[in-house]
Each structure stands twice: as C-alpha cells, then as structure tokens.
Amino acid sequence: MRLVIGILAFVGAGATAIAEPPSPTPTQSATTTATPPASTSGETTAAISPREKILKNKGYRLEMRNGQKVYCRSEEVLGSRLGRKKTCGSVEELEEREHLSREVTETAQRSQLNPTGK
C-alpha cells in the first residue's frame, strides 16, 4: 500500500512539473516579441483569393504562363489505365467549365425517361 501511495505521489509531482512551463528570462521575452514570425510558404495568404483557394483544394496547382496565373491539374483519361491529361486554365475559365458541366448533368438528369416506361 505504501508503494502505491509513493508511486501516485511521484506521478502527481511529475505532472505538475510538466504542466508548468518555465518562465522566460527578461532577455528571452524581449527577443521573442521583437521579431515577427517568418513565413514558411512561398505565397502569402493575403495574395490568394477565396476562389483561388477553392481551386487549390480541388487539386489545382498554380503555374505562371506568359505572366498570367494559370491553375493546372492532371486528370485521368477515361478508358485508359495509363493515360493522363493536364487541364489548365484561369480561375474564370475553370469556374465556367465547372458551371457548364453542372448544367449538362442537370439537363441530362431532368430529361431522363421513367425506367418503368410510363
């Protein structure tokens, strides 16, 4: 019983020592607040519009062609195990392509005949 109480007391003392971080010295706190954090990414988040962020989430990568921002991604070719094609376009072109694709799908679904034939 004494052993269990001793172990619990040791673990409890260790937990409080871990929970309290050491207080910084005055020189450490002055240097950490004086320097701003460095950005690790190549792009700043302010330069990316919400529309561009959506494209990045869909798997598009930013490329520069003739000074223009172009987003590209590699897509599989239907009917081929090895074939892939690269789809590129500006933000507006890709959004228009997606809009037309959605429209075609909705039109096809609306014009479907009833499977029972009635």
Protein backbone atom coordinates (compact mmCIF):
# COMPACT_ATOMS: atom_id res chain seq x y z
CA MET A 1 0.00 0.00 0.00
CA ARG A 2 2.83 2.38 0.82
CA LEU A 3 4.36 1.60 -2.57
CA VAL A 4 1.17 2.58 -4.41
CA ILE A 5 0.88 5.84 -2.47
CA GLY A 6 4.54 6.61 -3.16
CA ILE A 7 4.11 6.00 -6.90
CA LEU A 8 0.97 8.16 -7.04
CA ALA A 9 2.72 10.96 -5.19
CA PHE A 10 5.68 10.76 -7.59
CA VAL A 11 3.44 10.79 -10.66
CA GLY A 12 1.43 13.71 -9.26
CA ALA A 13 4.57 15.74 -8.59
CA GLY A 14 5.87 14.98 -12.09
CA ALA A 15 2.58 16.05 -13.69
CA THR A 16 2.64 19.44 -12.01
CA ALA A 17 6.25 19.95 -13.03
CA ILE A 18 5.36 19.16 -16.65
CA ALA A 19 2.22 21.31 -16.64
CA GLU A 20 4.04 24.49 -15.60
CA PRO A 21 6.36 25.77 -18.36
CA PRO A 22 9.50 27.54 -17.21
CA SER A 23 9.20 31.31 -17.05
CA PRO A 24 11.30 33.09 -19.70
CA THR A 25 14.13 35.31 -18.68
CA PRO A 26 13.77 39.04 -19.45
CA THR A 27 16.18 38.79 -22.41
CA GLN A 28 14.29 35.86 -23.92
CA SER A 29 10.91 37.58 -23.75
CA ALA A 30 12.30 40.78 -25.30
CA THR A 31 13.83 38.94 -28.26
CA THR A 32 10.80 36.76 -28.95
CA THR A 33 8.37 39.68 -29.05
CA ALA A 34 10.64 41.95 -31.09
CA THR A 35 10.99 39.65 -34.12
CA PRO A 36 7.92 38.80 -36.19
CA PRO A 37 7.43 35.16 -37.19
CA ALA A 38 8.88 34.26 -40.58
CA SER A 39 6.59 32.99 -43.31
CA THR A 40 7.46 29.47 -44.42
CA SER A 41 5.26 29.36 -47.51
CA GLY A 42 6.23 30.90 -50.83
CA GLU A 43 2.90 32.71 -51.16
CA THR A 44 1.25 34.96 -48.66
CA THR A 45 -2.29 34.13 -47.65
CA ALA A 46 -3.46 37.67 -48.43
CA ALA A 47 -2.49 37.26 -52.09
CA ILE A 48 -4.76 34.23 -52.55
CA SER A 49 -8.41 34.98 -53.26
CA PRO A 50 -11.14 32.67 -51.95
CA ARG A 51 -11.80 31.44 -55.50
CA GLU A 52 -8.13 30.50 -55.90
CA LYS A 53 -8.18 28.74 -52.55
CA ILE A 54 -11.12 26.61 -53.71
CA LEU A 55 -9.17 25.58 -56.82
CA LYS A 56 -6.15 24.63 -54.71
CA ASN A 57 -8.41 22.48 -52.52
CA LYS A 58 -9.65 20.72 -55.68
CA GLY A 59 -6.10 19.73 -56.57
CA TYR A 60 -5.06 22.51 -58.94
CA ARG A 61 -1.51 23.91 -58.78
CA LEU A 62 -0.54 27.46 -59.65
CA GLU A 63 1.67 27.91 -62.72
CA MET A 64 2.81 31.08 -64.43
CA ARG A 65 2.49 31.20 -68.23
CA ASN A 66 3.38 34.39 -70.11
CA GLY A 67 2.98 36.38 -66.90
CA GLN A 68 -0.53 35.03 -66.29
CA LYS A 69 -1.68 32.92 -63.34
CA VAL A 70 -2.87 29.54 -64.60
CA TYR A 71 -4.10 26.64 -62.48
CA CYS A 72 -3.39 23.10 -63.69
CA ARG A 73 -4.11 19.57 -62.56
CA SER A 74 -3.57 16.15 -64.04
CA GLU A 75 -6.72 14.12 -64.77
CA GLU A 76 -7.16 10.51 -65.83
CA VAL A 77 -8.35 9.80 -69.36
CA LEU A 78 -11.49 7.67 -69.47
CA GLY A 79 -10.90 4.23 -70.96
CA SER A 80 -7.16 4.25 -70.38
CA ARG A 81 -5.23 2.86 -67.45
CA LEU A 82 -2.11 4.83 -68.23
CA GLY A 83 -3.39 7.97 -69.89
CA ARG A 84 -3.46 11.29 -68.06
CA LYS A 85 -4.08 14.74 -69.42
CA LYS A 86 -3.22 18.10 -67.95
CA THR A 87 -6.12 20.52 -67.59
CA CYS A 88 -5.17 24.17 -67.22
CA GLY A 89 -7.00 27.47 -67.17
CA SER A 90 -7.50 30.74 -65.41
CA VAL A 91 -9.80 30.97 -62.41
CA GLU A 92 -12.65 32.29 -64.55
CA GLU A 93 -12.20 29.64 -67.27
CA LEU A 94 -12.16 26.79 -64.76
CA GLU A 95 -15.25 28.12 -62.97
CA GLU A 96 -17.08 28.46 -66.31
CA ARG A 97 -16.08 24.90 -67.26
CA GLU A 98 -17.41 23.59 -63.95
CA HIS A 99 -20.64 25.57 -64.33
CA LEU A 100 -21.26 24.18 -67.84
CA SER A 101 -20.50 20.66 -66.64
CA ARG A 102 -23.02 21.01 -63.83
CA GLU A 103 -25.61 22.38 -66.28
CA VAL A 104 -25.17 19.48 -68.70
CA THR A 105 -25.51 16.97 -65.87
CA GLU A 106 -28.68 18.60 -64.54
CA THR A 107 -30.21 18.77 -68.03
CA ALA A 108 -29.49 15.10 -68.64
CA GLN A 109 -30.99 14.13 -65.30
CA ARG A 110 -34.14 16.20 -65.90
CA SER A 111 -34.74 14.74 -69.36
CA GLN A 112 -34.36 11.10 -68.27
CA LEU A 113 -37.30 8.86 -69.04
CA ASN A 114 -39.00 7.00 -66.30
CA PRO A 115 -37.47 3.48 -66.14
CA THR A 116 -40.93 1.87 -65.96
CA GLY A 117 -41.82 3.42 -69.34
CA LYS A 118 -44.89 5.28 -68.16
